[in-house]
Protein backbone atom coordinates (compact mmCIF):
# COMPACT_ATOMS: atom_id res chain seq x y z
CA UNK A 1 -0.25 0.00 -0.21
CA UNK A 2 2.83 2.79 0.98
CA UNK A 3 4.92 1.52 -2.14
CA UNK A 4 1.84 2.10 -4.56
CA UNK A 5 1.34 5.36 -2.93
CA UNK A 6 4.55 6.77 -3.33
CA UNK A 7 4.41 5.76 -7.07
CA UNK A 8 0.80 7.88 -7.66
CA UNK A 9 2.36 10.64 -5.97
CA UNK A 10 5.10 10.11 -8.17
CA UNK A 11 3.07 9.96 -11.12
CA UNK A 12 0.80 12.83 -10.39
CA UNK A 13 4.16 15.17 -9.89
CA UNK A 14 5.20 13.89 -13.65
CA UNK A 15 1.73 14.65 -15.36
CA UNK A 16 1.61 18.61 -13.92
CA UNK A 17 5.36 18.75 -14.99
CA UNK A 18 4.42 17.38 -18.67
CA UNK A 19 0.80 19.69 -18.85
CA UNK A 20 3.34 22.62 -18.03
CA UNK A 21 5.88 22.06 -20.85
CA UNK A 22 3.10 21.72 -23.45
CA UNK A 23 1.24 25.37 -22.08
CA UNK A 24 4.73 27.18 -22.87
CA UNK A 25 5.15 25.78 -26.51
CA UNK A 26 1.63 26.36 -26.99
CA UNK A 27 2.19 29.86 -25.46
CA UNK A 28 5.29 30.12 -27.91
CA UNK A 29 3.99 28.79 -31.08
CA UNK A 30 0.90 31.49 -30.65
CA UNK A 31 3.43 34.37 -30.29
CA UNK A 32 5.71 32.79 -33.48
CA UNK A 33 1.93 32.80 -35.14
CA UNK A 34 1.12 36.49 -33.88
CA UNK A 35 4.67 37.55 -35.56
CA UNK A 36 4.68 35.65 -38.84
CA UNK A 37 1.23 37.70 -39.32
CA UNK A 38 2.90 40.92 -38.39
CA UNK A 39 5.24 40.12 -40.66
CA UNK A 40 2.86 39.04 -43.32
CA UNK A 41 1.00 41.69 -43.31
CA UNK A 42 3.80 44.64 -43.00
CA UNK A 43 5.42 43.05 -45.92
CA UNK A 44 1.71 42.83 -47.71
CA UNK A 45 1.39 47.02 -46.61
CA UNK A 46 5.13 47.73 -48.04
CA UNK A 47 4.71 45.86 -51.46
CA UNK A 48 0.94 47.71 -51.68
CA UNK A 49 2.69 50.92 -50.84
CA UNK A 50 5.44 50.20 -53.22
CA UNK A 51 3.11 49.54 -55.96
CA UNK A 52 0.84 52.49 -55.19
CA UNK A 53 4.37 54.68 -55.15
CA UNK A 54 5.27 52.81 -58.54
CA UNK A 55 1.74 53.32 -60.31
CA UNK A 56 2.10 57.38 -58.89
CA UNK A 57 5.50 57.67 -60.43
CA UNK A 58 4.64 55.96 -63.74
CA UNK A 59 1.86 58.58 -63.96
CA UNK A 60 4.38 61.55 -63.28
CA UNK A 61 6.65 59.96 -66.22
CA UNK A 62 3.88 59.90 -68.49
CA UNK A 63 2.72 63.70 -67.58
CA UNK A 64 6.00 64.36 -68.12
CA UNK A 65 6.60 62.95 -70.89
CA UNK A 66 3.26 64.81 -72.86
CA UNK A 67 4.67 68.03 -71.56
CA UNK A 68 7.86 67.42 -72.76
CA UNK A 69 6.17 66.55 -76.14
CA UNK A 70 3.81 69.49 -76.23
CA UNK A 71 6.75 71.67 -74.98
CA UNK A 72 8.86 70.28 -77.79
CA UNK A 73 5.31 70.95 -80.55
CA UNK A 74 4.99 74.91 -79.33
CA UNK A 75 8.84 75.19 -79.78
CA UNK A 76 8.61 74.03 -83.35
CA UNK A 77 5.90 76.17 -84.07
CA UNK A 78 8.16 78.86 -82.34
CA UNK A 79 10.62 78.28 -85.20
CA UNK A 80 7.98 78.28 -87.51
CA UNK A 81 6.97 82.16 -86.50
CA UNK A 82 10.46 83.06 -85.68
CA UNK A 83 11.12 81.88 -89.45
CA UNK A 84 8.02 83.78 -90.85
CA UNK A 85 9.20 87.01 -89.01
CA UNK A 86 12.27 86.49 -90.08
CA UNK A 87 11.17 86.45 -93.59
CA UNK A 88 8.63 89.21 -93.02
CA UNK A 89 11.45 91.11 -91.59
CA UNK A 90 13.53 90.83 -94.91
CA UNK A 91 10.59 91.94 -96.42
CA UNK A 92 10.41 94.91 -94.88
CA UNK A 93 13.86 95.91 -95.47
CA UNK A 94 13.32 95.59 -99.08
CA UNK A 95 10.18 97.33 -98.82
CA UNK A 96 11.93 100.12 -96.89
CA UNK A 97 15.00 100.09 -99.25
CA UNK A 98 12.79 100.46 -102.53
CA UNK A 99 10.50 103.78 -100.66
CA UNK A 100 13.96 105.21 -99.55
CA UNK A 101 14.98 104.97 -103.01
CA UNK A 102 11.44 106.40 -104.12
CA UNK A 103 11.86 109.42 -101.46
CA UNK A 104 15.61 110.22 -103.30
CA UNK A 105 13.95 110.29 -106.95
CA UNK A 106 11.48 112.78 -105.44
CA UNK A 107 13.51 114.35 -103.65
CA UNK A 108 15.70 115.48 -106.81
CA UNK A 109 12.65 115.53 -108.62
CA UNK A 110 11.02 118.35 -106.33
CA UNK A 111 14.74 119.99 -106.13
CA UNK A 112 14.47 120.54 -109.37
CA UNK A 113 11.31 121.77 -109.56
CA UNK A 114 11.75 124.38 -106.58
CA UNK A 115 14.75 125.68 -108.70
CA UNK A 116 12.40 125.98 -111.88
CA UNK A 117 9.56 128.04 -109.70
CA UNK A 118 11.77 129.85 -107.17
CA UNK A 119 10.66 133.35 -108.48
CA UNK A 120 7.23 132.08 -108.64
CA UNK A 121 7.09 130.64 -105.51
CA UNK A 122 8.33 133.81 -103.46
CA UNK A 123 5.57 136.11 -104.97
CA UNK A 124 2.98 133.17 -104.57
CA UNK A 125 4.29 132.61 -100.76
CA UNK A 126 3.14 136.31 -99.83
CA UNK A 127 0.10 135.93 -101.25
CA UNK A 128 -0.99 132.64 -99.82
CA UNK A 129 -0.07 134.27 -96.88
CA UNK A 130 -1.84 136.96 -96.90
CA UNK A 131 -5.34 134.91 -98.27
CA UNK A 132 -4.52 132.31 -95.36
CA UNK A 133 -4.46 135.17 -92.36
CA UNK A 134 -7.43 136.63 -93.97
CA UNK A 135 -9.34 133.52 -94.12
CA UNK A 136 -8.19 132.05 -90.72
CA UNK A 137 -9.37 135.89 -89.21
CA UNK A 138 -12.65 135.16 -90.87
CA UNK A 139 -13.33 131.97 -90.06
CA UNK A 140 -12.48 132.71 -86.36
CA UNK A 141 -14.53 136.10 -87.15
CA UNK A 142 -17.20 133.69 -88.29
CA UNK A 143 -17.02 130.91 -85.37
CA UNK A 144 -16.97 133.89 -83.13
CA UNK A 145 -19.94 135.54 -84.55
CA UNK A 146 -22.23 132.15 -84.41
CA UNK A 147 -20.68 131.84 -80.62
CA UNK A 148 -21.81 134.96 -79.76
CA UNK A 149 -25.41 134.34 -81.72
CA UNK A 150 -25.73 131.17 -79.69
CA UNK A 151 -24.72 132.99 -76.09
CA UNK A 152 -27.17 135.90 -77.01
CA UNK A 153 -29.63 133.33 -78.02
CA UNK A 154 -29.07 131.71 -74.60
CA UNK A 155 -28.67 134.62 -72.58
CA UNK A 156 -32.08 135.74 -74.39
CA UNK A 157 -34.15 132.60 -73.80
CA UNK A 158 -32.67 132.31 -69.83
CA UNK A 159 -33.96 135.89 -69.57
CA UNK A 160 -37.45 135.01 -70.59
CA UNK A 161 -37.71 132.24 -68.72
CA UNK A 162 -36.52 134.18 -65.27
CA UNK A 163 -39.87 136.30 -65.96
CA UNK A 164 -42.14 133.53 -66.66
CA UNK A 165 -41.17 131.84 -64.34
CA UNK A 166 -41.49 135.01 -61.36
CA UNK A 167 -44.60 136.16 -62.27
CA UNK A 168 -45.99 132.43 -62.41
CA UNK A 169 -44.47 132.46 -58.61
CA UNK A 170 -46.30 136.25 -58.28
CA UNK A 171 -43.00 137.32 -57.52
CA UNK A 172 -42.66 141.12 -58.45
CA UNK A 173 -38.75 141.32 -58.72
CA UNK A 174 -37.93 142.57 -62.26
CA UNK A 175 -35.72 140.97 -64.60
CA UNK A 176 -33.65 143.71 -67.08
CA UNK A 177 -34.69 142.23 -70.26
CA UNK A 178 -30.83 143.44 -71.40
CA UNK A 179 -28.92 141.34 -68.90
CA UNK A 180 -31.20 139.30 -66.72
CA UNK A 181 -30.22 141.72 -63.56
CA UNK A 182 -32.87 141.58 -60.43
CA UNK A 183 -32.66 144.53 -58.29
CA UNK A 184 -33.90 143.39 -55.22
CA UNK A 185 -34.41 146.52 -52.31
CA UNK A 186 -31.93 146.61 -49.68
CA UNK A 187 -34.45 147.85 -47.06
CA UNK A 188 -36.36 144.96 -47.72
CA UNK A 189 -33.45 142.46 -46.31
CA UNK A 190 -31.37 145.04 -43.66
CA UNK A 191 -31.92 147.94 -41.25
CA UNK A 192 -29.73 151.27 -41.81
CA UNK A 193 -26.01 150.14 -41.09
CA UNK A 194 -26.91 146.60 -40.52
CA UNK A 195 -25.45 143.35 -42.10
CA UNK A 196 -28.11 141.29 -40.63
CA UNK A 197 -31.11 140.03 -42.60
CA UNK A 198 -34.05 140.77 -41.63
CA UNK A 199 -36.85 138.28 -41.24
CA UNK A 200 -38.80 140.04 -44.27
CA UNK A 201 -35.69 139.69 -46.31
CA UNK A 202 -35.51 135.70 -45.57
CA UNK A 203 -39.37 135.28 -46.56
CA UNK A 204 -38.57 136.87 -49.86
CA UNK A 205 -35.56 134.88 -50.23
CA UNK A 206 -37.32 132.34 -49.05
CA UNK A 207 -39.62 132.38 -52.07
CA UNK A 208 -37.00 134.20 -54.98
CA UNK A 209 -33.75 131.46 -54.35
CA UNK A 210 -36.13 128.51 -55.36
CA UNK A 211 -37.30 130.30 -58.56
CA UNK A 212 -34.31 131.89 -59.63
CA UNK A 213 -32.04 128.62 -59.72
CA UNK A 214 -35.25 126.51 -61.15
CA UNK A 215 -34.50 128.10 -64.04
CA UNK A 216 -30.05 129.30 -64.11
CA UNK A 217 -28.92 125.83 -63.07
CA UNK A 218 -31.10 123.72 -65.23
CA UNK A 219 -29.50 121.43 -67.72
CA UNK A 220 -29.34 122.98 -70.74
CA UNK A 221 -27.95 126.26 -69.11
CA UNK A 222 -25.11 124.47 -67.39
CA UNK A 223 -22.67 124.81 -70.67
CA UNK A 224 -23.07 128.29 -70.51
CA UNK A 225 -23.73 129.81 -67.38
CA UNK A 226 -20.89 130.90 -65.81
CA UNK A 227 -21.10 132.94 -62.33
CA UNK A 228 -23.82 133.88 -60.62
CA UNK A 229 -23.02 137.34 -58.89
CA UNK A 230 -24.61 138.64 -55.45
CA UNK A 231 -23.84 142.75 -55.55
CA UNK A 232 -24.73 145.03 -52.08
CA UNK A 233 -24.84 148.49 -53.23
CA UNK A 234 -25.45 151.57 -50.73
CA UNK A 235 -26.07 154.93 -51.04
CA UNK A 236 -23.08 157.99 -50.50
CA UNK A 237 -23.69 158.69 -47.03
CA UNK A 238 -20.66 157.53 -45.04
CA UNK A 239 -17.09 156.96 -46.15
CA UNK A 240 -16.35 154.82 -49.34
CA UNK A 241 -14.14 152.22 -47.04
CA UNK A 242 -17.18 151.66 -44.89
CA UNK A 243 -19.85 151.26 -46.89
CA UNK A 244 -17.30 148.96 -49.14
CA UNK A 245 -17.31 146.66 -45.78
CA UNK A 246 -21.01 147.39 -45.22
CA UNK A 247 -22.01 145.89 -48.82
CA UNK A 248 -20.02 143.63 -48.68
CA UNK A 249 -20.78 142.13 -45.82
CA UNK A 250 -24.81 142.07 -46.99
CA UNK A 251 -23.63 140.51 -49.87
CA UNK A 252 -21.93 138.05 -48.23
CA UNK A 253 -24.77 137.38 -45.70
CA UNK A 254 -27.25 136.66 -48.93
CA UNK A 255 -24.77 134.75 -50.01
CA UNK A 256 -24.12 132.43 -47.48
CA UNK A 257 -28.74 132.46 -46.57
CA UNK A 258 -28.76 131.10 -49.76
CA UNK A 259 -26.26 128.32 -49.76
CA UNK A 260 -27.87 126.92 -46.64
CA UNK A 261 -31.77 127.40 -47.90
CA UNK A 262 -32.96 123.62 -46.83
CA UNK A 263 -35.45 123.88 -49.71
CA UNK A 264 -32.46 123.53 -52.12
CA UNK A 265 -31.39 120.49 -53.39
CA UNK A 266 -28.24 118.72 -52.67
CA UNK A 267 -27.36 118.95 -56.38
CA UNK A 268 -28.43 122.87 -56.41
CA UNK A 269 -26.33 123.50 -53.60
CA UNK A 270 -23.30 121.69 -55.26
CA UNK A 271 -23.48 123.68 -58.46
CA UNK A 272 -24.08 127.00 -56.37
CA UNK A 273 -20.72 126.39 -54.13
CA UNK A 274 -18.74 126.41 -57.73
CA UNK A 275 -20.57 129.69 -59.32
CA UNK A 276 -21.50 131.67 -56.61
CA UNK A 277 -19.64 135.07 -55.86
CA UNK A 278 -20.23 137.70 -53.11
CA UNK A 279 -19.42 141.55 -54.19
CA UNK A 280 -19.41 144.76 -52.36
CA UNK A 281 -19.40 147.49 -54.65
CA UNK A 282 -20.68 150.84 -52.19
CA UNK A 283 -21.35 153.20 -54.05
CA UNK A 284 -19.72 153.22 -56.86
CA UNK A 285 -23.05 152.42 -58.61
CA UNK A 286 -25.31 154.93 -57.68
CA UNK A 287 -29.22 154.98 -59.24
CA UNK A 288 -29.67 159.23 -60.33
CA UNK A 289 -33.36 160.69 -61.57
CA UNK A 290 -34.27 162.29 -64.09
CA UNK A 291 -32.31 165.43 -62.95
CA UNK A 292 -29.46 163.65 -62.20
CA UNK A 293 -29.49 163.52 -58.49
CA UNK A 294 -28.31 160.40 -56.44
CA UNK A 295 -31.85 158.32 -55.53
CA UNK A 296 -31.01 157.25 -52.41
CA UNK A 297 -33.43 154.55 -52.17
CA UNK A 298 -32.67 153.37 -55.07
CA UNK A 299 -29.28 153.37 -54.62
CA UNK A 300 -29.51 151.09 -51.66
CA UNK A 301 -29.88 147.79 -52.84
CA UNK A 302 -29.41 143.88 -52.91
CA UNK A 303 -28.45 143.09 -57.11
CA UNK A 304 -28.71 139.31 -58.51
CA UNK A 305 -26.64 138.65 -61.52
CA UNK A 306 -25.20 136.19 -63.75
CA UNK A 307 -22.85 135.97 -66.22
CA UNK A 308 -21.95 133.51 -69.12
CA UNK A 309 -18.62 131.78 -69.80
CA UNK A 310 -17.91 133.45 -72.77
CA UNK A 311 -19.07 137.28 -71.77
CA UNK A 312 -15.39 138.40 -72.11
CA UNK A 313 -15.17 137.06 -75.44
CA UNK A 314 -17.91 138.33 -76.29
CA UNK A 315 -16.82 141.68 -74.98
CA UNK A 316 -13.83 141.34 -76.77
CA UNK A 317 -15.37 140.16 -80.45
CA UNK A 318 -17.83 143.59 -80.40
CA UNK A 319 -15.15 145.53 -79.75
CA UNK A 320 -12.92 143.91 -82.66
CA UNK A 321 -16.31 144.27 -85.12
CA UNK A 322 -16.70 147.70 -84.28
CA UNK A 323 -13.20 148.67 -84.83
CA UNK A 324 -13.50 146.78 -88.06
CA UNK A 325 -16.86 148.75 -89.21
CA UNK A 326 -14.66 151.90 -88.68
């Protein structure tokens, strides 16, 4: 019994050792299999990437070859074009040589003709010069005369439109039929010796200015209207210098009031800023009565005037025409 028990114990120990060895072998085999699988997968990835890169390289090589072919074709075309240009340049040079030769012949013939006509040319030159000057002067006069006719017609039309518009607006302001000047009584605008616009004057300007500018700033007059002038005038009481300052201040106040009127459009204000002028005349332009004496009430006034762009030219032309008639 004891011997049997010892044998069984030894057999039990030997079985446990063999099972441990088998488990270790299985584990090593599994690790080896995993390593082989990882190695195989890595090789597969490497060869796949290598194939992809090789394919991309082939495509790039094909594209490069195609580009090189296109470049070669363009170079051939460029060579052909350059050859055509060279041929054209040779033709042009030949034509220039022919032209130079022709010009040399013409110059020679012109010199021969000039020598034969020298005497006649001197006299003809003087006659042609005089005729040319006369023609240029006549053309200038005709052109200026046409311009004067146009400007006179425009001024007449503007004066007529001003008179009509003021009449329709029930404004009693009188438009000078010759030059379009409008005279407004200074007493309506200012106290004696003052330059601040009275309420009565502001009301008058609020009615008058929109009508006045609506006519002068029309699109059809834009190429002709040169300036709008507001003039202040005084009577002869006081010194010229003090009245000059007073008249200038009054004209300036009226001009500033016009520029700040809320009833005017932005376009009207912008145009007005470009052409509006305020002038003080002191008592340099007094109004005289029928007996030749100063009319103080009439002399104290504010005048609205306009000038055309070519007014100076008109005056010069009138002077020239007057001298010719004499």
